[in-house]
Every structure is written in structure tokens, then in C-alpha cells.
Amino acid sequence: MKKIISGVSGIVAIILPVFASAQGTLPSSPIMDVSGFQQFLCTVVVGWMFTFLVVLSIVFILIAAFKYLTASGDPEKVKSASHTLIYAVIAVAVGLLARGVPLIVGSFIGGNANVGC
């Protein structure tokens, strides 16, 4: 029970600043048209979720580091830690590609620099 409470409080301590810093990013006027709704989706879904996923991947990198430190030379624990680290790095790479590819494709086809969100 103590582990669950400390784990939840640790996650809340990591995520809470993300939500606190995002308080000024919501549109100040209500959503009146499709463009306003699109801007809201870009801000909330894409912006906040990208930040949340980056923070989550950093947490998994720290978990992998902890697994390496506590492995004590056990090959199975080292293998588990390396898999966790590889998956976390792949998640960061996929997230960065998903965020950057629309801009790169938009610049190649000569479209607007603000493609998508």
C-alpha cells in the first residue's frame, strides 16, 4: 500500500507542473467556428499529449536506469533494463518524428509552414 501511495504521489508530482504551466494555452474566447475548434484540438490534444508522452518516456528512462543500478550483475535484470531503455528511446524517436514529419513534408511540397497543428 505504501508503494502504491508513493508511486501515485511521485507521478502526480511529475505531471502536476505540466498542467500548471498549460493554464495559459487554452483559447480565451469560446469556440465559435471550425477553425477555433481545430486550434483547441491542436492546443489540447497535440500539445499537451506530446508533452505528457515526453515526460512519461523520461520516467521510463529513469526506471531503466534504476533497473540497471539494482541489477547486481544478474543477466535477466540487465536484459530487462536494456529492453525498457530501448523501448523508451524508440518512443521518444517516434514522438519526435510524428511531431516533425508534417512540417518537413509541408516544406517540401511548398505548403503552409504551419501544416496540421
PDB file of N, CA and C in Angstrom:
ATOM      1  N   MET A   1       0.825  -1.195   0.000  1.00  0.00           N
ATOM      2  CA  MET A   1       0.000   0.000   0.000  1.00  0.00           C
ATOM      3  C   MET A   1       0.864   1.251   0.000  1.00  0.00           C
ATOM      4  N   LYS A   2       1.977   1.212   0.768  1.00  0.00           N
ATOM      5  CA  LYS A   2       2.863   2.366   0.819  1.00  0.00           C
ATOM      6  C   LYS A   2       3.535   2.596  -0.537  1.00  0.00           C
ATOM      7  N   LYS A   3       3.833   1.509  -1.248  1.00  0.00           N
ATOM      8  CA  LYS A   3       4.445   1.648  -2.562  1.00  0.00           C
ATOM      9  C   LYS A   3       3.477   2.300  -3.545  1.00  0.00           C
ATOM     10  N   ILE A   4       2.224   1.936  -3.469  1.00  0.00           N
ATOM     11  CA  ILE A   4       1.222   2.499  -4.369  1.00  0.00           C
ATOM     12  C   ILE A   4       1.057   3.990  -4.098  1.00  0.00           C
ATOM     13  N   ILE A   5       0.969   4.346  -2.824  1.00  0.00           N
ATOM     14  CA  ILE A   5       0.800   5.761  -2.478  1.00  0.00           C
ATOM     15  C   ILE A   5       2.017   6.561  -2.888  1.00  0.00           C
ATOM     16  N   SER A   6       3.216   6.036  -2.650  1.00  0.00           N
ATOM     17  CA  SER A   6       4.411   6.784  -3.037  1.00  0.00           C
ATOM     18  C   SER A   6       4.541   6.854  -4.557  1.00  0.00           C
ATOM     19  N   GLY A   7       4.140   5.806  -5.266  1.00  0.00           N
ATOM     20  CA  GLY A   7       4.190   5.831  -6.726  1.00  0.00           C
ATOM     21  C   GLY A   7       3.212   6.833  -7.311  1.00  0.00           C
ATOM     22  N   VAL A   8       1.998   6.846  -6.794  1.00  0.00           N
ATOM     23  CA  VAL A   8       0.993   7.794  -7.283  1.00  0.00           C
ATOM     24  C   VAL A   8       1.405   9.226  -6.963  1.00  0.00           C
ATOM     25  N   SER A   9       1.925   9.452  -5.752  1.00  0.00           N
ATOM     26  CA  SER A   9       2.346  10.814  -5.403  1.00  0.00           C
ATOM     27  C   SER A   9       3.536  11.246  -6.242  1.00  0.00           C
ATOM     28  N   GLY A  10       4.407  10.318  -6.598  1.00  0.00           N
ATOM     29  CA  GLY A  10       5.536  10.653  -7.476  1.00  0.00           C
ATOM     30  C   GLY A  10       5.067  11.016  -8.873  1.00  0.00           C
ATOM     31  N   ILE A  11       4.129  10.271  -9.399  1.00  0.00           N
ATOM     32  CA  ILE A  11       3.596  10.571 -10.729  1.00  0.00           C
ATOM     33  C   ILE A  11       2.871  11.907 -10.729  1.00  0.00           C
ATOM     34  N   VAL A  12       2.092  12.169  -9.680  1.00  0.00           N
ATOM     35  CA  VAL A  12       1.391  13.450  -9.586  1.00  0.00           C
ATOM     36  C   VAL A  12       2.392  14.595  -9.483  1.00  0.00           C
ATOM     37  N   ALA A  13       3.473  14.394  -8.741  1.00  0.00           N
ATOM     38  CA  ALA A  13       4.494  15.434  -8.610  1.00  0.00           C
ATOM     39  C   ALA A  13       5.178  15.716  -9.934  1.00  0.00           C
ATOM     40  N   ILE A  14       5.266  14.725 -10.797  1.00  0.00           N
ATOM     41  CA  ILE A  14       5.901  14.931 -12.101  1.00  0.00           C
ATOM     42  C   ILE A  14       4.927  15.582 -13.076  1.00  0.00           C
ATOM     43  N   ILE A  15       3.671  15.163 -13.070  1.00  0.00           N
ATOM     44  CA  ILE A  15       2.700  15.623 -14.057  1.00  0.00           C
ATOM     45  C   ILE A  15       2.084  16.972 -13.696  1.00  0.00           C
ATOM     46  N   LEU A  16       1.954  17.272 -12.422  1.00  0.00           N
ATOM     47  CA  LEU A  16       1.287  18.495 -11.995  1.00  0.00           C
ATOM     48  C   LEU A  16       1.901  19.769 -12.585  1.00  0.00           C
ATOM     49  N   PRO A  17       3.228  19.923 -12.655  1.00  0.00           N
ATOM     50  CA  PRO A  17       3.764  21.133 -13.279  1.00  0.00           C
ATOM     51  C   PRO A  17       3.406  21.281 -14.755  1.00  0.00           C
ATOM     52  N   VAL A  18       3.215  20.158 -15.441  1.00  0.00           N
ATOM     53  CA  VAL A  18       2.825  20.231 -16.851  1.00  0.00           C
ATOM     54  C   VAL A  18       1.446  20.867 -16.973  1.00  0.00           C
ATOM     55  N   PHE A  19       0.514  20.450 -16.127  1.00  0.00           N
ATOM     56  CA  PHE A  19      -0.824  21.028 -16.169  1.00  0.00           C
ATOM     57  C   PHE A  19      -0.832  22.463 -15.666  1.00  0.00           C
ATOM     58  N   ALA A  20       0.004  22.775 -14.706  1.00  0.00           N
ATOM     59  CA  ALA A  20       0.051  24.134 -14.172  1.00  0.00           C
ATOM     60  C   ALA A  20       0.621  25.099 -15.200  1.00  0.00           C
ATOM     61  N   SER A  21       1.606  24.646 -15.986  1.00  0.00           N
ATOM     62  CA  SER A  21       2.193  25.532 -16.988  1.00  0.00           C
ATOM     63  C   SER A  21       1.306  25.664 -18.216  1.00  0.00           C
ATOM     64  N   ALA A  22       0.323  24.799 -18.359  1.00  0.00           N
ATOM     65  CA  ALA A  22      -0.535  24.825 -19.538  1.00  0.00           C
ATOM     66  C   ALA A  22      -1.778  25.671 -19.335  1.00  0.00           C
ATOM     67  N   GLN A  23      -1.900  26.334 -18.203  1.00  0.00           N
ATOM     68  CA  GLN A  23      -3.137  27.045 -17.938  1.00  0.00           C
ATOM     69  C   GLN A  23      -3.345  28.241 -18.855  1.00  0.00           C
ATOM     70  N   GLY A  24      -2.316  28.823 -19.424  1.00  0.00           N
ATOM     71  CA  GLY A  24      -2.489  29.971 -20.296  1.00  0.00           C
ATOM     72  C   GLY A  24      -2.635  29.612 -21.757  1.00  0.00           C
ATOM     73  N   THR A  25      -2.636  28.330 -22.104  1.00  0.00           N
ATOM     74  CA  THR A  25      -2.663  27.941 -23.503  1.00  0.00           C
ATOM     75  C   THR A  25      -4.065  27.713 -24.048  1.00  0.00           C
ATOM     76  N   LEU A  26      -5.074  27.674 -23.199  1.00  0.00           N
ATOM     77  CA  LEU A  26      -6.431  27.499 -23.700  1.00  0.00           C
ATOM     78  C   LEU A  26      -6.907  28.768 -24.389  1.00  0.00           C
ATOM     79  N   PRO A  27      -7.727  28.650 -25.408  1.00  0.00           N
ATOM     80  CA  PRO A  27      -8.240  29.847 -26.060  1.00  0.00           C
ATOM     81  C   PRO A  27      -9.065  30.683 -25.083  1.00  0.00           C
ATOM     82  N   SER A  28      -8.912  31.996 -25.180  1.00  0.00           N
ATOM     83  CA  SER A  28      -9.618  32.860 -24.245  1.00  0.00           C
ATOM     84  C   SER A  28     -11.089  33.034 -24.633  1.00  0.00           C
ATOM     85  N   SER A  29     -11.415  32.887 -25.905  1.00  0.00           N
ATOM     86  CA  SER A  29     -12.801  33.027 -26.333  1.00  0.00           C
ATOM     87  C   SER A  29     -13.409  31.638 -26.537  1.00  0.00           C
ATOM     88  N   PRO A  30     -14.712  31.527 -26.436  1.00  0.00           N
ATOM     89  CA  PRO A  30     -15.327  30.221 -26.686  1.00  0.00           C
ATOM     90  C   PRO A  30     -15.162  29.810 -28.151  1.00  0.00           C
ATOM     91  N   ILE A  31     -15.307  28.545 -28.383  1.00  0.00           N
ATOM     92  CA  ILE A  31     -15.160  28.014 -29.738  1.00  0.00           C
ATOM     93  C   ILE A  31     -16.399  28.403 -30.535  1.00  0.00           C
ATOM     94  N   MET A  32     -16.180  29.198 -31.583  1.00  0.00           N
ATOM     95  CA  MET A  32     -17.300  29.708 -32.362  1.00  0.00           C
ATOM     96  C   MET A  32     -17.374  29.110 -33.768  1.00  0.00           C
ATOM     97  N   ASP A  33     -16.264  28.567 -34.271  1.00  0.00           N
ATOM     98  CA  ASP A  33     -16.265  28.028 -35.626  1.00  0.00           C
ATOM     99  C   ASP A  33     -15.317  26.825 -35.694  1.00  0.00           C
ATOM    100  N   VAL A  34     -15.182  26.276 -36.894  1.00  0.00           N
ATOM    101  CA  VAL A  34     -14.355  25.091 -37.092  1.00  0.00           C
ATOM    102  C   VAL A  34     -12.892  25.408 -36.844  1.00  0.00           C
ATOM    103  N   SER A  35     -12.455  26.587 -37.243  1.00  0.00           N
ATOM    104  CA  SER A  35     -11.069  26.977 -37.046  1.00  0.00           C
ATOM    105  C   SER A  35     -10.732  27.065 -35.555  1.00  0.00           C
ATOM    106  N   GLY A  36     -11.639  27.596 -34.769  1.00  0.00           N
ATOM    107  CA  GLY A  36     -11.435  27.666 -33.331  1.00  0.00           C
ATOM    108  C   GLY A  36     -11.387  26.290 -32.697  1.00  0.00           C
ATOM    109  N   PHE A  37     -12.233  25.386 -33.191  1.00  0.00           N
ATOM    110  CA  PHE A  37     -12.223  24.014 -32.690  1.00  0.00           C
ATOM    111  C   PHE A  37     -10.927  23.313 -33.064  1.00  0.00           C
ATOM    112  N   GLN A  38     -10.441  23.557 -34.291  1.00  0.00           N
ATOM    113  CA  GLN A  38      -9.182  22.965 -34.715  1.00  0.00           C
ATOM    114  C   GLN A  38      -8.028  23.495 -33.856  1.00  0.00           C
ATOM    115  N   GLN A  39      -8.040  24.777 -33.575  1.00  0.00           N
ATOM    116  CA  GLN A  39      -6.995  25.347 -32.729  1.00  0.00           C
ATOM    117  C   GLN A  39      -7.050  24.750 -31.320  1.00  0.00           C
ATOM    118  N   PHE A  40      -8.254  24.563 -30.811  1.00  0.00           N
ATOM    119  CA  PHE A  40      -8.416  23.948 -29.491  1.00  0.00           C
ATOM    120  C   PHE A  40      -7.860  22.530 -29.488  1.00  0.00           C
ATOM    121  N   LEU A  41      -8.181  21.742 -30.517  1.00  0.00           N
ATOM    122  CA  LEU A  41      -7.667  20.380 -30.600  1.00  0.00           C
ATOM    123  C   LEU A  41      -6.148  20.357 -30.703  1.00  0.00           C
ATOM    124  N   CYS A  42      -5.608  21.274 -31.500  1.00  0.00           N
ATOM    125  CA  CYS A  42      -4.149  21.330 -31.637  1.00  0.00           C
ATOM    126  C   CYS A  42      -3.492  21.668 -30.307  1.00  0.00           C
ATOM    127  N   THR A  43      -4.088  22.592 -29.585  1.00  0.00           N
ATOM    128  CA  THR A  43      -3.506  23.002 -28.313  1.00  0.00           C
ATOM    129  C   THR A  43      -3.621  21.908 -27.269  1.00  0.00           C
ATOM    130  N   VAL A  44      -4.806  21.376 -27.109  1.00  0.00           N
ATOM    131  CA  VAL A  44      -5.040  20.419 -26.033  1.00  0.00           C
ATOM    132  C   VAL A  44      -4.498  19.040 -26.381  1.00  0.00           C
ATOM    133  N   VAL A  45      -4.980  18.492 -27.475  1.00  0.00           N
ATOM    134  CA  VAL A  45      -4.645  17.105 -27.789  1.00  0.00           C
ATOM    135  C   VAL A  45      -3.192  16.965 -28.208  1.00  0.00           C
ATOM    136  N   VAL A  46      -2.779  17.729 -29.181  1.00  0.00           N
ATOM    137  CA  VAL A  46      -1.432  17.560 -29.716  1.00  0.00           C
ATOM    138  C   VAL A  46      -0.385  18.129 -28.763  1.00  0.00           C
ATOM    139  N   GLY A  47      -0.586  19.337 -28.299  1.00  0.00           N
ATOM    140  CA  GLY A  47       0.407  19.973 -27.447  1.00  0.00           C
ATOM    141  C   GLY A  47       0.555  19.312 -26.096  1.00  0.00           C
ATOM    142  N   TRP A  48      -0.535  19.164 -25.393  1.00  0.00           N
ATOM    143  CA  TRP A  48      -0.471  18.591 -24.048  1.00  0.00           C
ATOM    144  C   TRP A  48      -0.114  17.114 -24.082  1.00  0.00           C
ATOM    145  N   MET A  49      -0.671  16.377 -25.024  1.00  0.00           N
ATOM    146  CA  MET A  49      -0.379  14.950 -25.091  1.00  0.00           C
ATOM    147  C   MET A  49       1.086  14.704 -25.460  1.00  0.00           C
ATOM    148  N   PHE A  50       1.635  15.532 -26.355  1.00  0.00           N
ATOM    149  CA  PHE A  50       3.041  15.387 -26.704  1.00  0.00           C
ATOM    150  C   PHE A  50       3.910  15.633 -25.475  1.00  0.00           C
ATOM    151  N   THR A  51       3.586  16.671 -24.713  1.00  0.00           N
ATOM    152  CA  THR A  51       4.338  16.963 -23.502  1.00  0.00           C
ATOM    153  C   THR A  51       4.195  15.833 -22.495  1.00  0.00           C
ATOM    154  N   PHE A  52       2.986  15.326 -22.333  1.00  0.00           N
ATOM    155  CA  PHE A  52       2.754  14.221 -21.405  1.00  0.00           C
ATOM    156  C   PHE A  52       3.543  12.979 -21.821  1.00  0.00           C
ATOM    157  N   LEU A  53       3.565  12.659 -23.098  1.00  0.00           N
ATOM    158  CA  LEU A  53       4.277  11.477 -23.560  1.00  0.00           C
ATOM    159  C   LEU A  53       5.783  11.633 -23.426  1.00  0.00           C
ATOM    160  N   VAL A  54       6.305  12.835 -23.628  1.00  0.00           N
ATOM    161  CA  VAL A  54       7.737  13.058 -23.426  1.00  0.00           C
ATOM    162  C   VAL A  54       8.089  12.887 -21.957  1.00  0.00           C
ATOM    163  N   VAL A  55       7.271  13.441 -21.064  1.00  0.00           N
ATOM    164  CA  VAL A  55       7.514  13.277 -19.622  1.00  0.00           C
ATOM    165  C   VAL A  55       7.429  11.804 -19.246  1.00  0.00           C
ATOM    166  N   LEU A  56       6.458  11.099 -19.794  1.00  0.00           N
ATOM    167  CA  LEU A  56       6.305   9.679 -19.498  1.00  0.00           C
ATOM    168  C   LEU A  56       7.503   8.878 -19.993  1.00  0.00           C
ATOM    169  N   SER A  57       8.024   9.212 -21.158  1.00  0.00           N
ATOM    170  CA  SER A  57       9.197   8.493 -21.656  1.00  0.00           C
ATOM    171  C   SER A  57      10.428   8.788 -20.804  1.00  0.00           C
ATOM    172  N   ILE A  58      10.538   9.997 -20.276  1.00  0.00           N
ATOM    173  CA  ILE A  58      11.650  10.308 -19.373  1.00  0.00           C
ATOM    174  C   ILE A  58      11.527   9.489 -18.091  1.00  0.00           C
ATOM    175  N   VAL A  59      10.311   9.312 -17.603  1.00  0.00           N
ATOM    176  CA  VAL A  59      10.095   8.477 -16.418  1.00  0.00           C
ATOM    177  C   VAL A  59      10.537   7.047 -16.703  1.00  0.00           C
ATOM    178  N   PHE A  60      10.222   6.530 -17.885  1.00  0.00           N
ATOM    179  CA  PHE A  60      10.637   5.172 -18.218  1.00  0.00           C
ATOM    180  C   PHE A  60      12.146   5.064 -18.378  1.00  0.00           C
ATOM    181  N   ILE A  61      12.803   6.107 -18.850  1.00  0.00           N
ATOM    182  CA  ILE A  61      14.264   6.100 -18.922  1.00  0.00           C
ATOM    183  C   ILE A  61      14.847   6.056 -17.509  1.00  0.00           C
ATOM    184  N   LEU A  62      14.250   6.799 -16.592  1.00  0.00           N
ATOM    185  CA  LEU A  62      14.711   6.753 -15.207  1.00  0.00           C
ATOM    186  C   LEU A  62      14.458   5.380 -14.574  1.00  0.00           C
ATOM    187  N   ILE A  63      13.353   4.758 -14.923  1.00  0.00           N
ATOM    188  CA  ILE A  63      13.080   3.407 -14.427  1.00  0.00           C
ATOM    189  C   ILE A  63      14.121   2.427 -14.956  1.00  0.00           C
ATOM    190  N   ALA A  64      14.484   2.562 -16.226  1.00  0.00           N
ATOM    191  CA  ALA A  64      15.508   1.697 -16.801  1.00  0.00           C
ATOM    192  C   ALA A  64      16.851   1.919 -16.107  1.00  0.00           C
ATOM    193  N   ALA A  65      17.178   3.168 -15.801  1.00  0.00           N
ATOM    194  CA  ALA A  65      18.422   3.453 -15.092  1.00  0.00           C
ATOM    195  C   ALA A  65      18.402   2.821 -13.699  1.00  0.00           C
ATOM    196  N   PHE A  66      17.257   2.892 -13.034  1.00  0.00           N
ATOM    197  CA  PHE A  66      17.133   2.267 -11.721  1.00  0.00           C
ATOM    198  C   PHE A  66      17.289   0.754 -11.821  1.00  0.00           C
ATOM    199  N   LYS A  67      16.729   0.162 -12.878  1.00  0.00           N
ATOM    200  CA  LYS A  67      16.873  -1.284 -13.067  1.00  0.00           C
ATOM    201  C   LYS A  67      18.332  -1.665 -13.296  1.00  0.00           C
ATOM    202  N   TYR A  68      19.056  -0.830 -14.059  1.00  0.00           N
ATOM    203  CA  TYR A  68      20.477  -1.096 -14.272  1.00  0.00           C
ATOM    204  C   TYR A  68      21.241  -1.020 -12.953  1.00  0.00           C
ATOM    205  N   LEU A  69      20.934  -0.023 -12.145  1.00  0.00           N
ATOM    206  CA  LEU A  69      21.660   0.147 -10.887  1.00  0.00           C
ATOM    207  C   LEU A  69      21.387  -0.973  -9.897  1.00  0.00           C
ATOM    208  N   THR A  70      20.181  -1.510  -9.924  1.00  0.00           N
ATOM    209  CA  THR A  70      19.824  -2.559  -8.969  1.00  0.00           C
ATOM    210  C   THR A  70      19.958  -3.968  -9.550  1.00  0.00           C
ATOM    211  N   ALA A  71      20.531  -4.111 -10.722  1.00  0.00           N
ATOM    212  CA  ALA A  71      20.645  -5.430 -11.354  1.00  0.00           C
ATOM    213  C   ALA A  71      21.666  -6.313 -10.654  1.00  0.00           C
ATOM    214  N   SER A  72      22.697  -5.761 -10.095  1.00  0.00           N
ATOM    215  CA  SER A  72      23.745  -6.521  -9.383  1.00  0.00           C
ATOM    216  C   SER A  72      24.356  -7.613 -10.250  1.00  0.00           C
ATOM    217  N   GLY A  73      24.458  -7.347 -11.534  1.00  0.00           N
ATOM    218  CA  GLY A  73      25.089  -8.298 -12.431  1.00  0.00           C
ATOM    219  C   GLY A  73      24.202  -9.435 -12.886  1.00  0.00           C
ATOM    220  N   ASP A  74      22.955  -9.458 -12.477  1.00  0.00           N
ATOM    221  CA  ASP A  74      22.022 -10.506 -12.896  1.00  0.00           C
ATOM    222  C   ASP A  74      21.677 -10.287 -14.372  1.00  0.00           C
ATOM    223  N   PRO A  75      21.979 -11.251 -15.234  1.00  0.00           N
ATOM    224  CA  PRO A  75      21.758 -11.052 -16.672  1.00  0.00           C
ATOM    225  C   PRO A  75      20.294 -10.795 -17.039  1.00  0.00           C
ATOM    226  N   GLU A  76      19.370 -11.425 -16.341  1.00  0.00           N
ATOM    227  CA  GLU A  76      17.950 -11.212 -16.658  1.00  0.00           C
ATOM    228  C   GLU A  76      17.513  -9.786 -16.322  1.00  0.00           C
ATOM    229  N   LYS A  77      17.983  -9.259 -15.198  1.00  0.00           N
ATOM    230  CA  LYS A  77      17.625  -7.894 -14.814  1.00  0.00           C
ATOM    231  C   LYS A  77      18.270  -6.875 -15.746  1.00  0.00           C
ATOM    232  N   VAL A  78      19.507  -7.137 -16.149  1.00  0.00           N
ATOM    233  CA  VAL A  78      20.172  -6.242 -17.093  1.00  0.00           C
ATOM    234  C   VAL A  78      19.463  -6.270 -18.433  1.00  0.00           C
ATOM    235  N   LYS A  79      19.033  -7.443 -18.862  1.00  0.00           N
ATOM    236  CA  LYS A  79      18.296  -7.574 -20.126  1.00  0.00           C
ATOM    237  C   LYS A  79      16.967  -6.827 -20.050  1.00  0.00           C
ATOM    238  N   SER A  80      16.263  -6.937 -18.922  1.00  0.00           N
ATOM    239  CA  SER A  80      15.005  -6.217 -18.732  1.00  0.00           C
ATOM    240  C   SER A  80      15.224  -4.710 -18.752  1.00  0.00           C
ATOM    241  N   ALA A  81      16.294  -4.264 -18.111  1.00  0.00           N
ATOM    242  CA  ALA A  81      16.601  -2.829 -18.099  1.00  0.00           C
ATOM    243  C   ALA A  81      16.945  -2.323 -19.493  1.00  0.00           C
ATOM    244  N   SER A  82      17.698  -3.109 -20.250  1.00  0.00           N
ATOM    245  CA  SER A  82      18.052  -2.670 -21.599  1.00  0.00           C
ATOM    246  C   SER A  82      16.831  -2.629 -22.510  1.00  0.00           C
ATOM    247  N   HIS A  83      15.912  -3.565 -22.331  1.00  0.00           N
ATOM    248  CA  HIS A  83      14.678  -3.528 -23.127  1.00  0.00           C
ATOM    249  C   HIS A  83      13.837  -2.302 -22.769  1.00  0.00           C
ATOM    250  N   THR A  84      13.749  -1.997 -21.485  1.00  0.00           N
ATOM    251  CA  THR A  84      12.996  -0.807 -21.066  1.00  0.00           C
ATOM    252  C   THR A  84      13.611   0.452 -21.659  1.00  0.00           C
ATOM    253  N   LEU A  85      14.933   0.539 -21.639  1.00  0.00           N
ATOM    254  CA  LEU A  85      15.615   1.713 -22.192  1.00  0.00           C
ATOM    255  C   LEU A  85      15.425   1.807 -23.698  1.00  0.00           C
ATOM    256  N   ILE A  86      15.515   0.693 -24.389  1.00  0.00           N
ATOM    257  CA  ILE A  86      15.327   0.698 -25.846  1.00  0.00           C
ATOM    258  C   ILE A  86      13.906   1.136 -26.201  1.00  0.00           C
ATOM    259  N   TYR A  87      12.921   0.619 -25.494  1.00  0.00           N
ATOM    260  CA  TYR A  87      11.533   1.000 -25.769  1.00  0.00           C
ATOM    261  C   TYR A  87      11.289   2.479 -25.487  1.00  0.00           C
ATOM    262  N   ALA A  88      11.891   3.000 -24.433  1.00  0.00           N
ATOM    263  CA  ALA A  88      11.723   4.419 -24.109  1.00  0.00           C
ATOM    264  C   ALA A  88      12.362   5.305 -25.174  1.00  0.00           C
ATOM    265  N   VAL A  89      13.541   4.933 -25.654  1.00  0.00           N
ATOM    266  CA  VAL A  89      14.207   5.715 -26.689  1.00  0.00           C
ATOM    267  C   VAL A  89      13.427   5.641 -27.997  1.00  0.00           C
ATOM    268  N   ILE A  90      12.894   4.477 -28.324  1.00  0.00           N
ATOM    269  CA  ILE A  90      12.069   4.343 -29.525  1.00  0.00           C
ATOM    270  C   ILE A  90      10.824   5.214 -29.411  1.00  0.00           C
ATOM    271  N   ALA A  91      10.223   5.257 -28.225  1.00  0.00           N
ATOM    272  CA  ALA A  91       9.033   6.098 -28.021  1.00  0.00           C
ATOM    273  C   ALA A  91       9.364   7.571 -28.221  1.00  0.00           C
ATOM    274  N   VAL A  92      10.508   8.025 -27.732  1.00  0.00           N
ATOM    275  CA  VAL A  92      10.916   9.418 -27.930  1.00  0.00           C
ATOM    276  C   VAL A  92      11.140   9.692 -29.410  1.00  0.00           C
ATOM    277  N   ALA A  93      11.811   8.773 -30.098  1.00  0.00           N
ATOM    278  CA  ALA A  93      12.084   8.963 -31.521  1.00  0.00           C
ATOM    279  C   ALA A  93      10.796   9.010 -32.338  1.00  0.00           C
ATOM    280  N   VAL A  94       9.871   8.112 -32.057  1.00  0.00           N
ATOM    281  CA  VAL A  94       8.596   8.103 -32.785  1.00  0.00           C
ATOM    282  C   VAL A  94       7.807   9.372 -32.498  1.00  0.00           C
ATOM    283  N   GLY A  95       7.819   9.828 -31.262  1.00  0.00           N
ATOM    284  CA  GLY A  95       7.122  11.066 -30.916  1.00  0.00           C
ATOM    285  C   GLY A  95       7.694  12.270 -31.628  1.00  0.00           C
ATOM    286  N   LEU A  96       9.025  12.355 -31.692  1.00  0.00           N
ATOM    287  CA  LEU A  96       9.651  13.474 -32.398  1.00  0.00           C
ATOM    288  C   LEU A  96       9.388  13.411 -33.900  1.00  0.00           C
ATOM    289  N   LEU A  97       9.403  12.211 -34.457  1.00  0.00           N
ATOM    290  CA  LEU A  97       9.092  12.075 -35.881  1.00  0.00           C
ATOM    291  C   LEU A  97       7.642  12.452 -36.165  1.00  0.00           C
ATOM    292  N   ALA A  98       6.741  12.019 -35.307  1.00  0.00           N
ATOM    293  CA  ALA A  98       5.326  12.349 -35.512  1.00  0.00           C
ATOM    294  C   ALA A  98       5.093  13.845 -35.408  1.00  0.00           C
ATOM    295  N   ARG A  99       5.874  14.518 -34.596  1.00  0.00           N
ATOM    296  CA  ARG A  99       5.719  15.967 -34.442  1.00  0.00           C
ATOM    297  C   ARG A  99       6.374  16.723 -35.604  1.00  0.00           C
ATOM    298  N   GLY A 100       7.464  16.179 -36.165  1.00  0.00           N
ATOM    299  CA  GLY A 100       8.229  16.904 -37.175  1.00  0.00           C
ATOM    300  C   GLY A 100       7.921  16.564 -38.620  1.00  0.00           C
ATOM    301  N   VAL A 101       7.445  15.374 -38.893  1.00  0.00           N
ATOM    302  CA  VAL A 101       7.213  14.955 -40.275  1.00  0.00           C
ATOM    303  C   VAL A 101       6.207  15.850 -41.008  1.00  0.00           C
ATOM    304  N   PRO A 102       5.087  16.237 -40.399  1.00  0.00           N
ATOM    305  CA  PRO A 102       4.171  17.115 -41.139  1.00  0.00           C
ATOM    306  C   PRO A 102       4.810  18.443 -41.548  1.00  0.00           C
ATOM    307  N   LEU A 103       5.672  18.990 -40.722  1.00  0.00           N
ATOM    308  CA  LEU A 103       6.349  20.235 -41.081  1.00  0.00           C
ATOM    309  C   LEU A 103       7.341  20.028 -42.226  1.00  0.00           C
ATOM    310  N   ILE A 104       8.057  18.909 -42.174  1.00  0.00           N
ATOM    311  CA  ILE A 104       9.033  18.624 -43.238  1.00  0.00           C
ATOM    312  C   ILE A 104       8.323  18.377 -44.562  1.00  0.00           C
ATOM    313  N   VAL A 105       7.268  17.576 -44.546  1.00  0.00           N
ATOM    314  CA  VAL A 105       6.513  17.301 -45.773  1.00  0.00           C
ATOM    315  C   VAL A 105       5.877  18.578 -46.302  1.00  0.00           C
ATOM    316  N   GLY A 106       5.342  19.410 -45.416  1.00  0.00           N
ATOM    317  CA  GLY A 106       4.749  20.678 -45.837  1.00  0.00           C
ATOM    318  C   GLY A 106       5.760  21.605 -46.483  1.00  0.00           C
ATOM    319  N   SER A 107       6.995  21.598 -45.980  1.00  0.00           N
ATOM    320  CA  SER A 107       8.002  22.456 -46.589  1.00  0.00           C
ATOM    321  C   SER A 107       8.458  21.914 -47.946  1.00  0.00           C
ATOM    322  N   PHE A 108       8.450  20.586 -48.120  1.00  0.00           N
ATOM    323  CA  PHE A 108       8.842  20.010 -49.399  1.00  0.00           C
ATOM    324  C   PHE A 108       7.797  20.251 -50.481  1.00  0.00           C
ATOM    325  N   ILE A 109       6.534  20.158 -50.145  1.00  0.00           N
ATOM    326  CA  ILE A 109       5.503  20.337 -51.166  1.00  0.00           C
ATOM    327  C   ILE A 109       5.131  21.801 -51.348  1.00  0.00           C
ATOM    328  N   GLY A 110       5.763  22.657 -50.578  1.00  0.00           N
ATOM    329  CA  GLY A 110       5.539  24.093 -50.767  1.00  0.00           C
ATOM    330  C   GLY A 110       4.274  24.607 -50.117  1.00  0.00           C
ATOM    331  N   GLY A 111       3.773  23.858 -49.166  1.00  0.00           N
ATOM    332  CA  GLY A 111       2.547  24.286 -48.495  1.00  0.00           C
ATOM    333  C   GLY A 111       2.840  25.281 -47.380  1.00  0.00           C
ATOM    334  N   ASN A 112       1.858  25.502 -46.580  1.00  0.00           N
ATOM    335  CA  ASN A 112       1.973  26.395 -45.455  1.00  0.00           C
ATOM    336  C   ASN A 112       2.951  25.808 -44.451  1.00  0.00           C
ATOM    337  N   ALA A 113       3.741  26.642 -43.807  1.00  0.00           N
ATOM    338  CA  ALA A 113       4.716  26.157 -42.816  1.00  0.00           C
ATOM    339  C   ALA A 113       4.020  25.642 -41.568  1.00  0.00           C
ATOM    340  N   ASN A 114       2.775  26.037 -41.358  1.00  0.00           N
ATOM    341  CA  ASN A 114       2.024  25.610 -40.187  1.00  0.00           C
ATOM    342  C   ASN A 114       1.062  24.493 -40.576  1.00  0.00           C
ATOM    343  N   VAL A 115       1.613  23.395 -41.070  1.00  0.00           N
ATOM    344  CA  VAL A 115       0.803  22.271 -41.504  1.00  0.00           C
ATOM    345  C   VAL A 115       0.263  21.551 -40.284  1.00  0.00           C
ATOM    346  N   GLY A 116      -0.983  21.183 -40.315  1.00  0.00           N
ATOM    347  CA  GLY A 116      -1.556  20.447 -39.200  1.00  0.00           C
ATOM    348  C   GLY A 116      -1.709  21.343 -37.986  1.00  0.00           C
ATOM    349  N   CYS A 117      -1.027  20.982 -36.944  1.00  0.00           N
ATOM    350  CA  CYS A 117      -1.120  21.770 -35.691  1.00  0.00           C
ATOM    351  C   CYS A 117       0.076  22.630 -35.546  1.00  0.00           C
TER     352      CYS A 117
END
